[in-house]
């Protein structure tokens, strides 16, 4: 599974919207959409970790994702 797909699947599982994630990360909903659709890869590692922790994604799970 690609990183964006994992983030999207977990977000939907928790019933969060892209706007919920964007507000938490202080980014635009378009940015969240771009990452989830694998059009962008988060360049800020700390933001990615914050995102993963918010969704309950473990570090091993995060590291085992495929490249976009």
PDB file of N, CA and C in Angstrom:
ATOM      1  N   UNK A   1       0.856  -1.178   0.000  1.00  0.00           N
ATOM      2  CA  UNK A   1       0.000   0.000   0.000  1.00  0.00           C
ATOM      3  C   UNK A   1       0.901   1.241   0.000  1.00  0.00           C
ATOM      4  N   UNK A   2       0.510   2.205  -0.789  1.00  0.00           N
ATOM      5  CA  UNK A   2       1.253   3.460  -0.849  1.00  0.00           C
ATOM      6  C   UNK A   2       0.920   4.335   0.358  1.00  0.00           C
ATOM      7  N   UNK A   3       1.817   5.262   0.669  1.00  0.00           N
ATOM      8  CA  UNK A   3       1.646   6.144   1.822  1.00  0.00           C
ATOM      9  C   UNK A   3       0.310   6.886   1.776  1.00  0.00           C
ATOM     10  N   UNK A   4       0.017   7.509   0.653  1.00  0.00           N
ATOM     11  CA  UNK A   4      -1.233   8.258   0.530  1.00  0.00           C
ATOM     12  C   UNK A   4      -2.454   7.380   0.731  1.00  0.00           C
ATOM     13  N   UNK A   5      -2.397   6.182   0.191  1.00  0.00           N
ATOM     14  CA  UNK A   5      -3.513   5.251   0.340  1.00  0.00           C
ATOM     15  C   UNK A   5      -3.699   4.856   1.803  1.00  0.00           C
ATOM     16  N   UNK A   6      -2.585   4.641   2.512  1.00  0.00           N
ATOM     17  CA  UNK A   6      -2.654   4.301   3.932  1.00  0.00           C
ATOM     18  C   UNK A   6      -3.271   5.447   4.736  1.00  0.00           C
ATOM     19  N   UNK A   7      -2.804   6.657   4.480  1.00  0.00           N
ATOM     20  CA  UNK A   7      -3.327   7.819   5.199  1.00  0.00           C
ATOM     21  C   UNK A   7      -4.824   7.993   4.934  1.00  0.00           C
ATOM     22  N   UNK A   8      -5.221   7.816   3.693  1.00  0.00           N
ATOM     23  CA  UNK A   8      -6.633   7.961   3.341  1.00  0.00           C
ATOM     24  C   UNK A   8      -7.483   6.858   3.981  1.00  0.00           C
ATOM     25  N   UNK A   9      -6.998   5.626   3.932  1.00  0.00           N
ATOM     26  CA  UNK A   9      -7.756   4.508   4.506  1.00  0.00           C
ATOM     27  C   UNK A   9      -7.958   4.697   6.006  1.00  0.00           C
ATOM     28  N   UNK A  10      -6.901   5.090   6.707  1.00  0.00           N
ATOM     29  CA  UNK A  10      -7.008   5.300   8.156  1.00  0.00           C
ATOM     30  C   UNK A  10      -7.934   6.473   8.472  1.00  0.00           C
ATOM     31  N   UNK A  11      -7.832   7.540   7.671  1.00  0.00           N
ATOM     32  CA  UNK A  11      -8.698   8.709   7.892  1.00  0.00           C
ATOM     33  C   UNK A  11     -10.164   8.313   7.749  1.00  0.00           C
ATOM     34  N   UNK A  12     -10.463   7.567   6.701  1.00  0.00           N
ATOM     35  CA  UNK A  12     -11.845   7.154   6.467  1.00  0.00           C
ATOM     36  C   UNK A  12     -12.327   6.181   7.537  1.00  0.00           C
ATOM     37  N   UNK A  13     -11.441   5.303   7.983  1.00  0.00           N
ATOM     38  CA  UNK A  13     -11.777   4.354   9.039  1.00  0.00           C
ATOM     39  C   UNK A  13     -12.186   5.094  10.317  1.00  0.00           C
ATOM     40  N   UNK A  14     -11.503   6.197  10.595  1.00  0.00           N
ATOM     41  CA  UNK A  14     -11.793   6.998  11.782  1.00  0.00           C
ATOM     42  C   UNK A  14     -12.888   8.037  11.542  1.00  0.00           C
ATOM     43  N   UNK A  15     -13.370   8.085  10.299  1.00  0.00           N
ATOM     44  CA  UNK A  15     -14.441   9.006   9.902  1.00  0.00           C
ATOM     45  C   UNK A  15     -14.062  10.481  10.056  1.00  0.00           C
ATOM     46  N   UNK A  16     -12.788  10.761   9.787  1.00  0.00           N
ATOM     47  CA  UNK A  16     -12.327  12.138   9.730  1.00  0.00           C
ATOM     48  C   UNK A  16     -12.469  12.636   8.299  1.00  0.00           C
ATOM     49  N   UNK A  17     -12.665  13.925   8.147  1.00  0.00           N
ATOM     50  CA  UNK A  17     -12.674  14.523   6.817  1.00  0.00           C
ATOM     51  C   UNK A  17     -11.269  15.026   6.488  1.00  0.00           C
ATOM     52  N   UNK A  18     -11.057  15.336   5.227  1.00  0.00           N
ATOM     53  CA  UNK A  18      -9.782  15.932   4.845  1.00  0.00           C
ATOM     54  C   UNK A  18      -9.618  17.286   5.530  1.00  0.00           C
ATOM     55  N   UNK A  19     -10.706  17.978   5.749  1.00  0.00           N
ATOM     56  CA  UNK A  19     -10.655  19.268   6.453  1.00  0.00           C
ATOM     57  C   UNK A  19     -10.243  19.078   7.909  1.00  0.00           C
ATOM     58  N   UNK A  20     -10.719  18.011   8.546  1.00  0.00           N
ATOM     59  CA  UNK A  20     -10.291  17.719   9.920  1.00  0.00           C
ATOM     60  C   UNK A  20      -8.771  17.560   9.984  1.00  0.00           C
ATOM     61  N   UNK A  21      -8.240  16.802   9.059  1.00  0.00           N
ATOM     62  CA  UNK A  21      -6.788  16.555   9.020  1.00  0.00           C
ATOM     63  C   UNK A  21      -6.055  17.856   8.724  1.00  0.00           C
ATOM     64  N   UNK A  22      -6.547  18.593   7.755  1.00  0.00           N
ATOM     65  CA  UNK A  22      -5.901  19.861   7.374  1.00  0.00           C
ATOM     66  C   UNK A  22      -5.867  20.837   8.548  1.00  0.00           C
ATOM     67  N   UNK A  23      -6.957  20.941   9.273  1.00  0.00           N
ATOM     68  CA  UNK A  23      -6.994  21.832  10.431  1.00  0.00           C
ATOM     69  C   UNK A  23      -5.993  21.402  11.495  1.00  0.00           C
ATOM     70  N   UNK A  24      -5.896  20.100  11.735  1.00  0.00           N
ATOM     71  CA  UNK A  24      -4.963  19.582  12.731  1.00  0.00           C
ATOM     72  C   UNK A  24      -3.507  19.861  12.335  1.00  0.00           C
ATOM     73  N   UNK A  25      -3.211  19.717  11.049  1.00  0.00           N
ATOM     74  CA  UNK A  25      -1.838  19.889  10.563  1.00  0.00           C
ATOM     75  C   UNK A  25      -1.522  21.328  10.165  1.00  0.00           C
ATOM     76  N   UNK A  26      -2.533  22.179  10.134  1.00  0.00           N
ATOM     77  CA  UNK A  26      -2.411  23.578   9.698  1.00  0.00           C
ATOM     78  C   UNK A  26      -1.882  23.622   8.249  1.00  0.00           C
ATOM     79  N   UNK A  27      -2.606  22.909   7.397  1.00  0.00           N
ATOM     80  CA  UNK A  27      -2.350  22.904   5.955  1.00  0.00           C
ATOM     81  C   UNK A  27      -3.699  23.034   5.258  1.00  0.00           C
ATOM     82  N   UNK A  28      -3.692  23.107   3.951  1.00  0.00           N
ATOM     83  CA  UNK A  28      -4.948  23.210   3.215  1.00  0.00           C
ATOM     84  C   UNK A  28      -5.540  21.815   2.965  1.00  0.00           C
ATOM     85  N   UNK A  29      -6.857  21.740   2.845  1.00  0.00           N
ATOM     86  CA  UNK A  29      -7.472  20.462   2.477  1.00  0.00           C
ATOM     87  C   UNK A  29      -6.960  19.955   1.129  1.00  0.00           C
ATOM     88  N   UNK A  30      -6.606  20.880   0.233  1.00  0.00           N
ATOM     89  CA  UNK A  30      -6.056  20.462  -1.062  1.00  0.00           C
ATOM     90  C   UNK A  30      -4.740  19.714  -0.889  1.00  0.00           C
ATOM     91  N   UNK A  31      -3.927  20.159   0.073  1.00  0.00           N
ATOM     92  CA  UNK A  31      -2.666  19.478   0.349  1.00  0.00           C
ATOM     93  C   UNK A  31      -2.931  18.047   0.830  1.00  0.00           C
ATOM     94  N   UNK A  32      -3.892  17.892   1.732  1.00  0.00           N
ATOM     95  CA  UNK A  32      -4.257  16.563   2.230  1.00  0.00           C
ATOM     96  C   UNK A  32      -4.711  15.687   1.066  1.00  0.00           C
ATOM     97  N   UNK A  33      -5.532  16.225   0.201  1.00  0.00           N
ATOM     98  CA  UNK A  33      -6.000  15.494  -0.968  1.00  0.00           C
ATOM     99  C   UNK A  33      -4.837  15.083  -1.873  1.00  0.00           C
ATOM    100  N   UNK A  34      -3.921  16.000  -2.109  1.00  0.00           N
ATOM    101  CA  UNK A  34      -2.762  15.701  -2.965  1.00  0.00           C
ATOM    102  C   UNK A  34      -1.919  14.567  -2.391  1.00  0.00           C
ATOM    103  N   UNK A  35      -1.728  14.563  -1.085  1.00  0.00           N
ATOM    104  CA  UNK A  35      -0.946  13.488  -0.460  1.00  0.00           C
ATOM    105  C   UNK A  35      -1.710  12.170  -0.539  1.00  0.00           C
ATOM    106  N   UNK A  36      -2.987  12.201  -0.221  1.00  0.00           N
ATOM    107  CA  UNK A  36      -3.783  10.971  -0.248  1.00  0.00           C
ATOM    108  C   UNK A  36      -3.896  10.383  -1.653  1.00  0.00           C
ATOM    109  N   UNK A  37      -3.877  11.228  -2.662  1.00  0.00           N
ATOM    110  CA  UNK A  37      -3.962  10.758  -4.047  1.00  0.00           C
ATOM    111  C   UNK A  37      -2.582  10.508  -4.651  1.00  0.00           C
ATOM    112  N   UNK A  38      -1.557  10.566  -3.811  1.00  0.00           N
ATOM    113  CA  UNK A  38      -0.176  10.293  -4.207  1.00  0.00           C
ATOM    114  C   UNK A  38       0.360  11.266  -5.251  1.00  0.00           C
ATOM    115  N   UNK A  39      -0.187  12.480  -5.268  1.00  0.00           N
ATOM    116  CA  UNK A  39       0.342  13.519  -6.153  1.00  0.00           C
ATOM    117  C   UNK A  39       1.488  14.266  -5.489  1.00  0.00           C
ATOM    118  N   UNK A  40       1.531  14.217  -4.141  1.00  0.00           N
ATOM    119  CA  UNK A  40       2.598  14.842  -3.366  1.00  0.00           C
ATOM    120  C   UNK A  40       3.034  13.884  -2.270  1.00  0.00           C
ATOM    121  N   UNK A  41       4.298  14.029  -1.876  1.00  0.00           N
ATOM    122  CA  UNK A  41       4.830  13.290  -0.733  1.00  0.00           C
ATOM    123  C   UNK A  41       5.169  14.326   0.330  1.00  0.00           C
ATOM    124  N   UNK A  42       4.738  14.113   1.571  1.00  0.00           N
ATOM    125  CA  UNK A  42       5.056  15.098   2.612  1.00  0.00           C
ATOM    126  C   UNK A  42       6.569  15.301   2.721  1.00  0.00           C
ATOM    127  N   UNK A  43       7.009  16.520   2.553  1.00  0.00           N
ATOM    128  CA  UNK A  43       8.439  16.839   2.625  1.00  0.00           C
ATOM    129  C   UNK A  43       8.864  17.090   4.069  1.00  0.00           C
ATOM    130  N   UNK A  44       7.931  17.405   4.923  1.00  0.00           N
ATOM    131  CA  UNK A  44       8.214  17.697   6.323  1.00  0.00           C
ATOM    132  C   UNK A  44       7.993  16.427   7.145  1.00  0.00           C
ATOM    133  N   UNK A  45       9.088  15.809   7.586  1.00  0.00           N
ATOM    134  CA  UNK A  45       9.006  14.553   8.320  1.00  0.00           C
ATOM    135  C   UNK A  45       8.216  14.701   9.616  1.00  0.00           C
ATOM    136  N   UNK A  46       8.382  15.813  10.303  1.00  0.00           N
ATOM    137  CA  UNK A  46       7.659  16.027  11.560  1.00  0.00           C
ATOM    138  C   UNK A  46       6.157  16.114  11.316  1.00  0.00           C
ATOM    139  N   UNK A  47       5.763  16.742  10.233  1.00  0.00           N
ATOM    140  CA  UNK A  47       4.342  16.821   9.905  1.00  0.00           C
ATOM    141  C   UNK A  47       3.797  15.434   9.585  1.00  0.00           C
ATOM    142  N   UNK A  48       4.575  14.647   8.855  1.00  0.00           N
ATOM    143  CA  UNK A  48       4.149  13.288   8.531  1.00  0.00           C
ATOM    144  C   UNK A  48       3.983  12.459   9.803  1.00  0.00           C
ATOM    145  N   UNK A  49       4.918  12.577  10.728  1.00  0.00           N
ATOM    146  CA  UNK A  49       4.804  11.842  11.990  1.00  0.00           C
ATOM    147  C   UNK A  49       3.576  12.286  12.782  1.00  0.00           C
ATOM    148  N   UNK A  50       3.321  13.579  12.817  1.00  0.00           N
ATOM    149  CA  UNK A  50       2.154  14.115  13.518  1.00  0.00           C
ATOM    150  C   UNK A  50       0.876  13.561  12.893  1.00  0.00           C
ATOM    151  N   UNK A  51       0.838  13.538  11.577  1.00  0.00           N
ATOM    152  CA  UNK A  51      -0.305  13.016  10.824  1.00  0.00           C
ATOM    153  C   UNK A  51      -0.519  11.543  11.163  1.00  0.00           C
ATOM    154  N   UNK A  52       0.557  10.760  11.102  1.00  0.00           N
ATOM    155  CA  UNK A  52       0.469   9.324  11.377  1.00  0.00           C
ATOM    156  C   UNK A  52       0.011   9.072  12.817  1.00  0.00           C
ATOM    157  N   UNK A  53       0.568   9.809  13.762  1.00  0.00           N
ATOM    158  CA  UNK A  53       0.185   9.629  15.162  1.00  0.00           C
ATOM    159  C   UNK A  53      -1.281   9.975  15.369  1.00  0.00           C
ATOM    160  N   UNK A  54      -1.768  11.021  14.720  1.00  0.00           N
ATOM    161  CA  UNK A  54      -3.164  11.440  14.825  1.00  0.00           C
ATOM    162  C   UNK A  54      -4.104  10.328  14.356  1.00  0.00           C
ATOM    163  N   UNK A  55      -3.655   9.590  13.345  1.00  0.00           N
ATOM    164  CA  UNK A  55      -4.478   8.521  12.789  1.00  0.00           C
ATOM    165  C   UNK A  55      -4.205   7.161  13.430  1.00  0.00           C
ATOM    166  N   UNK A  56      -3.247   7.110  14.357  1.00  0.00           N
ATOM    167  CA  UNK A  56      -2.949   5.849  15.026  1.00  0.00           C
ATOM    168  C   UNK A  56      -2.134   4.893  14.182  1.00  0.00           C
ATOM    169  N   UNK A  57      -1.349   5.421  13.258  1.00  0.00           N
ATOM    170  CA  UNK A  57      -0.500   4.591  12.402  1.00  0.00           C
ATOM    171  C   UNK A  57       0.833   4.388  13.128  1.00  0.00           C
ATOM    172  N   UNK A  58       1.238   3.140  13.264  1.00  0.00           N
ATOM    173  CA  UNK A  58       2.495   2.839  13.948  1.00  0.00           C
ATOM    174  C   UNK A  58       3.684   3.155  13.036  1.00  0.00           C
ATOM    175  N   UNK A  59       4.847   3.343  13.654  1.00  0.00           N
ATOM    176  CA  UNK A  59       6.055   3.623  12.880  1.00  0.00           C
ATOM    177  C   UNK A  59       6.384   2.467  11.924  1.00  0.00           C
ATOM    178  N   UNK A  60       6.326   1.201  12.355  1.00  0.00           N
ATOM    179  CA  UNK A  60       6.585   0.114  11.396  1.00  0.00           C
ATOM    180  C   UNK A  60       5.606   0.126  10.218  1.00  0.00           C
ATOM    181  N   UNK A  61       4.347   0.369  10.505  1.00  0.00           N
ATOM    182  CA  UNK A  61       3.339   0.425   9.443  1.00  0.00           C
ATOM    183  C   UNK A  61       3.651   1.555   8.465  1.00  0.00           C
ATOM    184  N   UNK A  62       4.061   2.681   9.006  1.00  0.00           N
ATOM    185  CA  UNK A  62       4.396   3.838   8.185  1.00  0.00           C
ATOM    186  C   UNK A  62       5.618   3.555   7.320  1.00  0.00           C
ATOM    187  N   UNK A  63       6.629   2.934   7.900  1.00  0.00           N
ATOM    188  CA  UNK A  63       7.865   2.670   7.177  1.00  0.00           C
ATOM    189  C   UNK A  63       7.726   1.573   6.119  1.00  0.00           C
ATOM    190  N   UNK A  64       6.720   0.737   6.252  1.00  0.00           N
ATOM    191  CA  UNK A  64       6.536  -0.353   5.297  1.00  0.00           C
ATOM    192  C   UNK A  64       5.677   0.029   4.092  1.00  0.00           C
ATOM    193  N   UNK A  65       5.292   1.295   3.996  1.00  0.00           N
ATOM    194  CA  UNK A  65       4.505   1.718   2.838  1.00  0.00           C
ATOM    195  C   UNK A  65       5.402   1.770   1.609  1.00  0.00           C
ATOM    196  N   UNK A  66       4.790   1.585   0.449  1.00  0.00           N
ATOM    197  CA  UNK A  66       5.509   1.670  -0.812  1.00  0.00           C
ATOM    198  C   UNK A  66       5.745   3.131  -1.167  1.00  0.00           C
ATOM    199  N   UNK A  67       6.678   3.336  -2.060  1.00  0.00           N
ATOM    200  CA  UNK A  67       6.883   4.694  -2.575  1.00  0.00           C
ATOM    201  C   UNK A  67       5.703   5.081  -3.430  1.00  0.00           C
ATOM    202  N   UNK A  68       5.414   6.375  -3.485  1.00  0.00           N
ATOM    203  CA  UNK A  68       4.285   6.856  -4.292  1.00  0.00           C
ATOM    204  C   UNK A  68       4.577   6.748  -5.760  1.00  0.00           C
TER     205      UNK A  68
END
